[in-house]
Amino acid sequence: MDQRRQEGRAIVKNADMPEDMQQDAVEVATTAMNHNTIEKEIAAEIKKEFDRRFNPNWHCIVGRNFGCYVTHETKSFIYFLMGQTAILLFKSG
């Protein structure tokens, strides 16, 4: 079974975000991963939905192997795993 399609729970590795918004991030990511198989498209769907729900400017990175160092607005950052796929979502700008 494809790891992206599994309904397993998310593992939050790091977050500066209210709990309810973290739950929204996981739900939006799950939906995006069920709609798409290409990481860029998953990231775009998550970013657009968070822009809609919580106002711009959200940024999203999705992948299995990446490093990052970002500046984010307070209470607007989450990094979590869904299976083997990592998702970084943050607001900046």
PDB file of N, CA and C in Angstrom:
ATOM      1  N   MET A   1       0.836  -1.191   0.000  1.00  0.00           N
ATOM      2  CA  MET A   1       0.000   0.000   0.000  1.00  0.00           C
ATOM      3  C   MET A   1       0.880   1.254   0.000  1.00  0.00           C
ATOM      4  N   ASP A   2       0.535   2.213  -0.822  1.00  0.00           N
ATOM      5  CA  ASP A   2       1.285   3.464  -0.914  1.00  0.00           C
ATOM      6  C   ASP A   2       1.224   4.203   0.420  1.00  0.00           C
ATOM      7  N   GLN A   3       2.386   4.602   0.947  1.00  0.00           N
ATOM      8  CA  GLN A   3       2.460   5.307   2.233  1.00  0.00           C
ATOM      9  C   GLN A   3       1.609   6.578   2.228  1.00  0.00           C
ATOM     10  N   ARG A   4       1.547   7.278   1.101  1.00  0.00           N
ATOM     11  CA  ARG A   4       0.804   8.535   1.048  1.00  0.00           C
ATOM     12  C   ARG A   4      -0.684   8.314   1.245  1.00  0.00           C
ATOM     13  N   ARG A   5      -1.163   7.160   0.862  1.00  0.00           N
ATOM     14  CA  ARG A   5      -2.594   6.904   0.900  1.00  0.00           C
ATOM     15  C   ARG A   5      -3.048   6.288   2.220  1.00  0.00           C
ATOM     16  N   GLN A   6      -2.126   5.965   3.074  1.00  0.00           N
ATOM     17  CA  GLN A   6      -2.505   5.374   4.350  1.00  0.00           C
ATOM     18  C   GLN A   6      -3.194   6.406   5.219  1.00  0.00           C
ATOM     19  N   GLU A   7      -4.161   5.945   5.990  1.00  0.00           N
ATOM     20  CA  GLU A   7      -4.909   6.823   6.874  1.00  0.00           C
ATOM     21  C   GLU A   7      -4.261   6.910   8.250  1.00  0.00           C
ATOM     22  N   GLY A   8      -2.973   6.578   8.336  1.00  0.00           N
ATOM     23  CA  GLY A   8      -2.276   6.616   9.619  1.00  0.00           C
ATOM     24  C   GLY A   8      -2.265   8.014  10.205  1.00  0.00           C
ATOM     25  N   ARG A   9      -1.977   8.077  11.469  1.00  0.00           N
ATOM     26  CA  ARG A   9      -1.983   9.373  12.141  1.00  0.00           C
ATOM     27  C   ARG A   9      -0.700  10.135  11.857  1.00  0.00           C
ATOM     28  N   ALA A  10      -0.812  11.412  12.010  1.00  0.00           N
ATOM     29  CA  ALA A  10       0.346  12.285  11.819  1.00  0.00           C
ATOM     30  C   ALA A  10       1.188  12.291  13.082  1.00  0.00           C
ATOM     31  N   ILE A  11       2.476  12.487  12.894  1.00  0.00           N
ATOM     32  CA  ILE A  11       3.399  12.654  14.010  1.00  0.00           C
ATOM     33  C   ILE A  11       3.943  14.074  13.924  1.00  0.00           C
ATOM     34  N   VAL A  12       3.537  14.923  14.862  1.00  0.00           N
ATOM     35  CA  VAL A  12       4.003  16.309  14.887  1.00  0.00           C
ATOM     36  C   VAL A  12       5.397  16.328  15.492  1.00  0.00           C
ATOM     37  N   LYS A  13       6.364  16.796  14.720  1.00  0.00           N
ATOM     38  CA  LYS A  13       7.756  16.856  15.167  1.00  0.00           C
ATOM     39  C   LYS A  13       8.079  18.187  15.835  1.00  0.00           C
ATOM     40  N   ASN A  14       7.462  19.264  15.352  1.00  0.00           N
ATOM     41  CA  ASN A  14       7.711  20.589  15.913  1.00  0.00           C
ATOM     42  C   ASN A  14       6.541  21.488  15.525  1.00  0.00           C
ATOM     43  N   ALA A  15       6.087  22.303  16.466  1.00  0.00           N
ATOM     44  CA  ALA A  15       4.970  23.195  16.153  1.00  0.00           C
ATOM     45  C   ALA A  15       4.990  24.426  17.042  1.00  0.00           C
ATOM     46  N   ASP A  16       4.657  25.547  16.436  1.00  0.00           N
ATOM     47  CA  ASP A  16       4.335  26.787  17.132  1.00  0.00           C
ATOM     48  C   ASP A  16       3.005  27.213  16.523  1.00  0.00           C
ATOM     49  N   MET A  17       1.930  26.566  16.997  1.00  0.00           N
ATOM     50  CA  MET A  17       0.624  26.714  16.379  1.00  0.00           C
ATOM     51  C   MET A  17      -0.416  26.206  17.377  1.00  0.00           C
ATOM     52  N   PRO A  18      -1.568  26.873  17.484  1.00  0.00           N
ATOM     53  CA  PRO A  18      -2.619  26.373  18.370  1.00  0.00           C
ATOM     54  C   PRO A  18      -3.045  24.947  17.989  1.00  0.00           C
ATOM     55  N   GLU A  19      -3.469  24.194  18.981  1.00  0.00           N
ATOM     56  CA  GLU A  19      -3.842  22.791  18.774  1.00  0.00           C
ATOM     57  C   GLU A  19      -4.919  22.620  17.706  1.00  0.00           C
ATOM     58  N   ASP A  20      -5.937  23.482  17.701  1.00  0.00           N
ATOM     59  CA  ASP A  20      -6.999  23.338  16.710  1.00  0.00           C
ATOM     60  C   ASP A  20      -6.482  23.592  15.296  1.00  0.00           C
ATOM     61  N   MET A  21      -5.548  24.506  15.144  1.00  0.00           N
ATOM     62  CA  MET A  21      -4.962  24.770  13.831  1.00  0.00           C
ATOM     63  C   MET A  21      -4.060  23.610  13.405  1.00  0.00           C
ATOM     64  N   GLN A  22      -3.377  22.985  14.364  1.00  0.00           N
ATOM     65  CA  GLN A  22      -2.579  21.793  14.059  1.00  0.00           C
ATOM     66  C   GLN A  22      -3.480  20.687  13.516  1.00  0.00           C
ATOM     67  N   GLN A  23      -4.634  20.507  14.133  1.00  0.00           N
ATOM     68  CA  GLN A  23      -5.580  19.495  13.657  1.00  0.00           C
ATOM     69  C   GLN A  23      -6.060  19.825  12.253  1.00  0.00           C
ATOM     70  N   ASP A  24      -6.313  21.113  11.984  1.00  0.00           N
ATOM     71  CA  ASP A  24      -6.688  21.533  10.633  1.00  0.00           C
ATOM     72  C   ASP A  24      -5.584  21.193   9.639  1.00  0.00           C
ATOM     73  N   ALA A  25      -4.336  21.435  10.019  1.00  0.00           N
ATOM     74  CA  ALA A  25      -3.207  21.147   9.127  1.00  0.00           C
ATOM     75  C   ALA A  25      -3.163  19.670   8.762  1.00  0.00           C
ATOM     76  N   VAL A  26      -3.350  18.812   9.743  1.00  0.00           N
ATOM     77  CA  VAL A  26      -3.328  17.368   9.488  1.00  0.00           C
ATOM     78  C   VAL A  26      -4.502  16.965   8.600  1.00  0.00           C
ATOM     79  N   GLU A  27      -5.685  17.504   8.874  1.00  0.00           N
ATOM     80  CA  GLU A  27      -6.864  17.178   8.059  1.00  0.00           C
ATOM     81  C   GLU A  27      -6.695  17.649   6.619  1.00  0.00           C
ATOM     82  N   VAL A  28      -6.213  18.873   6.444  1.00  0.00           N
ATOM     83  CA  VAL A  28      -6.004  19.416   5.093  1.00  0.00           C
ATOM     84  C   VAL A  28      -4.942  18.599   4.358  1.00  0.00           C
ATOM     85  N   ALA A  29      -3.874  18.233   5.055  1.00  0.00           N
ATOM     86  CA  ALA A  29      -2.813  17.430   4.438  1.00  0.00           C
ATOM     87  C   ALA A  29      -3.328  16.054   4.039  1.00  0.00           C
ATOM     88  N   THR A  30      -4.135  15.445   4.887  1.00  0.00           N
ATOM     89  CA  THR A  30      -4.701  14.130   4.568  1.00  0.00           C
ATOM     90  C   THR A  30      -5.547  14.211   3.307  1.00  0.00           C
ATOM     91  N   THR A  31      -6.394  15.227   3.229  1.00  0.00           N
ATOM     92  CA  THR A  31      -7.232  15.421   2.040  1.00  0.00           C
ATOM     93  C   THR A  31      -6.371  15.646   0.802  1.00  0.00           C
ATOM     94  N   ALA A  32      -5.361  16.506   0.919  1.00  0.00           N
ATOM     95  CA  ALA A  32      -4.485  16.803  -0.220  1.00  0.00           C
ATOM     96  C   ALA A  32      -3.756  15.553  -0.692  1.00  0.00           C
ATOM     97  N   MET A  33      -3.317  14.718   0.246  1.00  0.00           N
ATOM     98  CA  MET A  33      -2.592  13.498  -0.126  1.00  0.00           C
ATOM     99  C   MET A  33      -3.523  12.472  -0.761  1.00  0.00           C
ATOM    100  N   ASN A  34      -4.794  12.524  -0.424  1.00  0.00           N
ATOM    101  CA  ASN A  34      -5.765  11.635  -1.059  1.00  0.00           C
ATOM    102  C   ASN A  34      -6.145  12.118  -2.455  1.00  0.00           C
ATOM    103  N   HIS A  35      -6.015  13.419  -2.707  1.00  0.00           N
ATOM    104  CA  HIS A  35      -6.344  13.992  -4.017  1.00  0.00           C
ATOM    105  C   HIS A  35      -5.183  13.935  -5.005  1.00  0.00           C
ATOM    106  N   ASN A  36      -3.952  13.890  -4.503  1.00  0.00           N
ATOM    107  CA  ASN A  36      -2.765  14.049  -5.345  1.00  0.00           C
ATOM    108  C   ASN A  36      -1.700  13.018  -5.005  1.00  0.00           C
ATOM    109  N   THR A  37      -0.842  12.730  -5.980  1.00  0.00           N
ATOM    110  CA  THR A  37       0.309  11.861  -5.727  1.00  0.00           C
ATOM    111  C   THR A  37       1.629  12.611  -5.903  1.00  0.00           C
ATOM    112  N   ILE A  38       1.579  13.775  -6.524  1.00  0.00           N
ATOM    113  CA  ILE A  38       2.783  14.569  -6.759  1.00  0.00           C
ATOM    114  C   ILE A  38       2.965  15.541  -5.591  1.00  0.00           C
ATOM    115  N   GLU A  39       4.152  15.529  -4.996  1.00  0.00           N
ATOM    116  CA  GLU A  39       4.411  16.332  -3.797  1.00  0.00           C
ATOM    117  C   GLU A  39       4.142  17.817  -4.014  1.00  0.00           C
ATOM    118  N   LYS A  40       4.516  18.353  -5.171  1.00  0.00           N
ATOM    119  CA  LYS A  40       4.283  19.771  -5.463  1.00  0.00           C
ATOM    120  C   LYS A  40       2.790  20.094  -5.441  1.00  0.00           C
ATOM    121  N   GLU A  41       1.965  19.191  -5.958  1.00  0.00           N
ATOM    122  CA  GLU A  41       0.518  19.405  -5.972  1.00  0.00           C
ATOM    123  C   GLU A  41      -0.074  19.293  -4.572  1.00  0.00           C
ATOM    124  N   ILE A  42       0.457  18.384  -3.760  1.00  0.00           N
ATOM    125  CA  ILE A  42       0.020  18.262  -2.364  1.00  0.00           C
ATOM    126  C   ILE A  42       0.316  19.568  -1.636  1.00  0.00           C
ATOM    127  N   ALA A  43       1.544  20.074  -1.798  1.00  0.00           N
ATOM    128  CA  ALA A  43       1.943  21.322  -1.146  1.00  0.00           C
ATOM    129  C   ALA A  43       1.059  22.484  -1.597  1.00  0.00           C
ATOM    130  N   ALA A  44       0.771  22.557  -2.882  1.00  0.00           N
ATOM    131  CA  ALA A  44      -0.053  23.648  -3.411  1.00  0.00           C
ATOM    132  C   ALA A  44      -1.459  23.611  -2.816  1.00  0.00           C
ATOM    133  N   GLU A  45      -2.042  22.426  -2.714  1.00  0.00           N
ATOM    134  CA  GLU A  45      -3.394  22.311  -2.159  1.00  0.00           C
ATOM    135  C   GLU A  45      -3.424  22.729  -0.688  1.00  0.00           C
ATOM    136  N   ILE A  46      -2.430  22.289   0.078  1.00  0.00           N
ATOM    137  CA  ILE A  46      -2.365  22.654   1.496  1.00  0.00           C
ATOM    138  C   ILE A  46      -2.198  24.165   1.638  1.00  0.00           C
ATOM    139  N   LYS A  47      -1.273  24.745   0.888  1.00  0.00           N
ATOM    140  CA  LYS A  47      -1.008  26.186   0.950  1.00  0.00           C
ATOM    141  C   LYS A  47      -2.255  26.994   0.605  1.00  0.00           C
ATOM    142  N   LYS A  48      -2.925  26.630  -0.474  1.00  0.00           N
ATOM    143  CA  LYS A  48      -4.108  27.377  -0.910  1.00  0.00           C
ATOM    144  C   LYS A  48      -5.231  27.292   0.117  1.00  0.00           C
ATOM    145  N   GLU A  49      -5.410  26.118   0.711  1.00  0.00           N
ATOM    146  CA  GLU A  49      -6.469  25.957   1.705  1.00  0.00           C
ATOM    147  C   GLU A  49      -6.158  26.758   2.971  1.00  0.00           C
ATOM    148  N   PHE A  50      -4.900  26.784   3.404  1.00  0.00           N
ATOM    149  CA  PHE A  50      -4.545  27.580   4.583  1.00  0.00           C
ATOM    150  C   PHE A  50      -4.624  29.077   4.280  1.00  0.00           C
ATOM    151  N   ASP A  51      -4.272  29.492   3.070  1.00  0.00           N
ATOM    152  CA  ASP A  51      -4.471  30.892   2.682  1.00  0.00           C
ATOM    153  C   ASP A  51      -5.952  31.257   2.772  1.00  0.00           C
ATOM    154  N   ARG A  52      -6.815  30.352   2.337  1.00  0.00           N
ATOM    155  CA  ARG A  52      -8.259  30.604   2.358  1.00  0.00           C
ATOM    156  C   ARG A  52      -8.788  30.663   3.794  1.00  0.00           C
ATOM    157  N   ARG A  53      -8.378  29.707   4.612  1.00  0.00           N
ATOM    158  CA  ARG A  53      -8.906  29.617   5.978  1.00  0.00           C
ATOM    159  C   ARG A  53      -8.315  30.650   6.930  1.00  0.00           C
ATOM    160  N   PHE A  54      -7.016  30.923   6.777  1.00  0.00           N
ATOM    161  CA  PHE A  54      -6.301  31.719   7.775  1.00  0.00           C
ATOM    162  C   PHE A  54      -5.588  32.939   7.185  1.00  0.00           C
ATOM    163  N   ASN A  55      -5.959  33.330   5.980  1.00  0.00           N
ATOM    164  CA  ASN A  55      -5.378  34.494   5.293  1.00  0.00           C
ATOM    165  C   ASN A  55      -3.929  34.234   4.872  1.00  0.00           C
ATOM    166  N   PRO A  56      -3.523  34.834   3.731  1.00  0.00           N
ATOM    167  CA  PRO A  56      -2.160  34.649   3.224  1.00  0.00           C
ATOM    168  C   PRO A  56      -1.132  35.236   4.187  1.00  0.00           C
ATOM    169  N   ASN A  57       0.061  34.903   4.086  1.00  0.00           N
ATOM    170  CA  ASN A  57       0.845  34.178   3.105  1.00  0.00           C
ATOM    171  C   ASN A  57       1.417  32.918   3.742  1.00  0.00           C
ATOM    172  N   TRP A  58       0.806  31.780   3.438  1.00  0.00           N
ATOM    173  CA  TRP A  58       1.281  30.488   3.921  1.00  0.00           C
ATOM    174  C   TRP A  58       2.239  29.892   2.903  1.00  0.00           C
ATOM    175  N   HIS A  59       3.172  29.097   3.391  1.00  0.00           N
ATOM    176  CA  HIS A  59       4.142  28.399   2.554  1.00  0.00           C
ATOM    177  C   HIS A  59       4.130  26.941   2.980  1.00  0.00           C
ATOM    178  N   CYS A  60       4.262  26.038   2.016  1.00  0.00           N
ATOM    179  CA  CYS A  60       4.214  24.616   2.327  1.00  0.00           C
ATOM    180  C   CYS A  60       5.272  23.870   1.528  1.00  0.00           C
ATOM    181  N   ILE A  61       5.978  22.989   2.224  1.00  0.00           N
ATOM    182  CA  ILE A  61       6.983  22.128   1.602  1.00  0.00           C
ATOM    183  C   ILE A  61       6.613  20.698   1.951  1.00  0.00           C
ATOM    184  N   VAL A  62       6.579  19.843   0.948  1.00  0.00           N
ATOM    185  CA  VAL A  62       6.219  18.436   1.132  1.00  0.00           C
ATOM    186  C   VAL A  62       7.296  17.581   0.492  1.00  0.00           C
ATOM    187  N   GLY A  63       7.784  16.583   1.216  1.00  0.00           N
ATOM    188  CA  GLY A  63       8.786  15.695   0.636  1.00  0.00           C
ATOM    189  C   GLY A  63       9.247  14.638   1.609  1.00  0.00           C
ATOM    190  N   ARG A  64      10.147  13.812   1.129  1.00  0.00           N
ATOM    191  CA  ARG A  64      10.674  12.716   1.935  1.00  0.00           C
ATOM    192  C   ARG A  64      12.091  12.965   2.417  1.00  0.00           C
ATOM    193  N   ASN A  65      12.761  13.964   1.839  1.00  0.00           N
ATOM    194  CA  ASN A  65      14.144  14.227   2.230  1.00  0.00           C
ATOM    195  C   ASN A  65      14.483  15.680   1.908  1.00  0.00           C
ATOM    196  N   PHE A  66      14.442  16.541   2.907  1.00  0.00           N
ATOM    197  CA  PHE A  66      14.820  17.936   2.697  1.00  0.00           C
ATOM    198  C   PHE A  66      15.270  18.554   4.014  1.00  0.00           C
ATOM    199  N   GLY A  67      16.084  19.564   3.892  1.00  0.00           N
ATOM    200  CA  GLY A  67      16.481  20.363   5.042  1.00  0.00           C
ATOM    201  C   GLY A  67      15.885  21.743   4.882  1.00  0.00           C
ATOM    202  N   CYS A  68      15.696  22.437   5.988  1.00  0.00           N
ATOM    203  CA  CYS A  68      15.125  23.772   5.881  1.00  0.00           C
ATOM    204  C   CYS A  68      15.495  24.612   7.092  1.00  0.00           C
ATOM    205  N   TYR A  69      15.405  25.902   6.905  1.00  0.00           N
ATOM    206  CA  TYR A  69      15.600  26.864   7.983  1.00  0.00           C
ATOM    207  C   TYR A  69      14.764  28.071   7.595  1.00  0.00           C
ATOM    208  N   VAL A  70      13.688  28.336   8.333  1.00  0.00           N
ATOM    209  CA  VAL A  70      12.750  29.382   7.930  1.00  0.00           C
ATOM    210  C   VAL A  70      12.454  30.332   9.087  1.00  0.00           C
ATOM    211  N   THR A  71      11.998  31.517   8.726  1.00  0.00           N
ATOM    212  CA  THR A  71      11.458  32.473   9.681  1.00  0.00           C
ATOM    213  C   THR A  71       9.950  32.482   9.491  1.00  0.00           C
ATOM    214  N   HIS A  72       9.217  32.415  10.604  1.00  0.00           N
ATOM    215  CA  HIS A  72       7.760  32.338  10.504  1.00  0.00           C
ATOM    216  C   HIS A  72       7.108  33.286  11.493  1.00  0.00           C
ATOM    217  N   GLU A  73       5.854  33.603  11.218  1.00  0.00           N
ATOM    218  CA  GLU A  73       5.086  34.411  12.149  1.00  0.00           C
ATOM    219  C   GLU A  73       4.769  33.581  13.393  1.00  0.00           C
ATOM    220  N   THR A  74       4.604  34.255  14.519  1.00  0.00           N
ATOM    221  CA  THR A  74       4.282  33.585  15.775  1.00  0.00           C
ATOM    222  C   THR A  74       2.988  32.786  15.636  1.00  0.00           C
ATOM    223  N   LYS A  75       2.979  31.610  16.208  1.00  0.00           N
ATOM    224  CA  LYS A  75       1.807  30.717  16.232  1.00  0.00           C
ATOM    225  C   LYS A  75       1.375  30.274  14.838  1.00  0.00           C
ATOM    226  N   SER A  76       2.327  30.174  13.909  1.00  0.00           N
ATOM    227  CA  SER A  76       1.991  29.846  12.512  1.00  0.00           C
ATOM    228  C   SER A  76       3.014  28.916  11.882  1.00  0.00           C
ATOM    229  N   PHE A  77       3.407  27.866  12.598  1.00  0.00           N
ATOM    230  CA  PHE A  77       4.413  26.930  12.091  1.00  0.00           C
ATOM    231  C   PHE A  77       4.089  25.517  12.563  1.00  0.00           C
ATOM    232  N   ILE A  78       4.186  24.558  11.639  1.00  0.00           N
ATOM    233  CA  ILE A  78       4.074  23.147  12.008  1.00  0.00           C
ATOM    234  C   ILE A  78       4.936  22.316  11.061  1.00  0.00           C
ATOM    235  N   TYR A  79       5.577  21.322  11.641  1.00  0.00           N
ATOM    236  CA  TYR A  79       6.363  20.344  10.879  1.00  0.00           C
ATOM    237  C   TYR A  79       5.911  18.976  11.363  1.00  0.00           C
ATOM    238  N   PHE A  80       5.371  18.166  10.446  1.00  0.00           N
ATOM    239  CA  PHE A  80       4.859  16.864  10.851  1.00  0.00           C
ATOM    240  C   PHE A  80       5.074  15.818   9.770  1.00  0.00           C
ATOM    241  N   LEU A  81       4.965  14.566  10.177  1.00  0.00           N
ATOM    242  CA  LEU A  81       5.119  13.429   9.277  1.00  0.00           C
ATOM    243  C   LEU A  81       3.779  12.747   9.070  1.00  0.00           C
ATOM    244  N   MET A  82       3.533  12.357   7.826  1.00  0.00           N
ATOM    245  CA  MET A  82       2.390  11.519   7.479  1.00  0.00           C
ATOM    246  C   MET A  82       3.001  10.313   6.777  1.00  0.00           C
ATOM    247  N   GLY A  83       3.127   9.218   7.493  1.00  0.00           N
ATOM    248  CA  GLY A  83       3.880   8.091   6.961  1.00  0.00           C
ATOM    249  C   GLY A  83       5.328   8.517   6.811  1.00  0.00           C
ATOM    250  N   GLN A  84       5.880   8.331   5.619  1.00  0.00           N
ATOM    251  CA  GLN A  84       7.265   8.722   5.361  1.00  0.00           C
ATOM    252  C   GLN A  84       7.376  10.110   4.730  1.00  0.00           C
ATOM    253  N   THR A  85       6.253  10.778   4.579  1.00  0.00           N
ATOM    254  CA  THR A  85       6.241  12.098   3.950  1.00  0.00           C
ATOM    255  C   THR A  85       6.230  13.192   5.017  1.00  0.00           C
ATOM    256  N   ALA A  86       7.175  14.126   4.903  1.00  0.00           N
ATOM    257  CA  ALA A  86       7.256  15.256   5.828  1.00  0.00           C
ATOM    258  C   ALA A  86       6.519  16.452   5.235  1.00  0.00           C
ATOM    259  N   ILE A  87       5.864  17.209   6.112  1.00  0.00           N
ATOM    260  CA  ILE A  87       5.139  18.405   5.696  1.00  0.00           C
ATOM    261  C   ILE A  87       5.549  19.562   6.598  1.00  0.00           C
ATOM    262  N   LEU A  88       6.015  20.619   5.968  1.00  0.00           N
ATOM    263  CA  LEU A  88       6.379  21.853   6.661  1.00  0.00           C
ATOM    264  C   LEU A  88       5.401  22.922   6.190  1.00  0.00           C
ATOM    265  N   LEU A  89       4.692  23.527   7.126  1.00  0.00           N
ATOM    266  CA  LEU A  89       3.689  24.541   6.803  1.00  0.00           C
ATOM    267  C   LEU A  89       3.913  25.730   7.729  1.00  0.00           C
ATOM    268  N   PHE A  90       4.067  26.918   7.137  1.00  0.00           N
ATOM    269  CA  PHE A  90       4.312  28.097   7.961  1.00  0.00           C
ATOM    270  C   PHE A  90       3.821  29.352   7.255  1.00  0.00           C
ATOM    271  N   LYS A  91       3.571  30.367   8.060  1.00  0.00           N
ATOM    272  CA  LYS A  91       3.127  31.655   7.535  1.00  0.00           C
ATOM    273  C   LYS A  91       4.259  32.658   7.687  1.00  0.00           C
ATOM    274  N   SER A  92       4.500  33.418   6.613  1.00  0.00           N
ATOM    275  CA  SER A  92       5.548  34.429   6.622  1.00  0.00           C
ATOM    276  C   SER A  92       5.229  35.473   5.563  1.00  0.00           C
ATOM    277  N   GLY A  93       5.410  36.719   5.910  1.00  0.00           N
ATOM    278  CA  GLY A  93       5.192  37.773   4.932  1.00  0.00           C
ATOM    279  C   GLY A  93       3.897  38.404   5.096  1.00  0.00           C
TER     280      GLY A  93
END
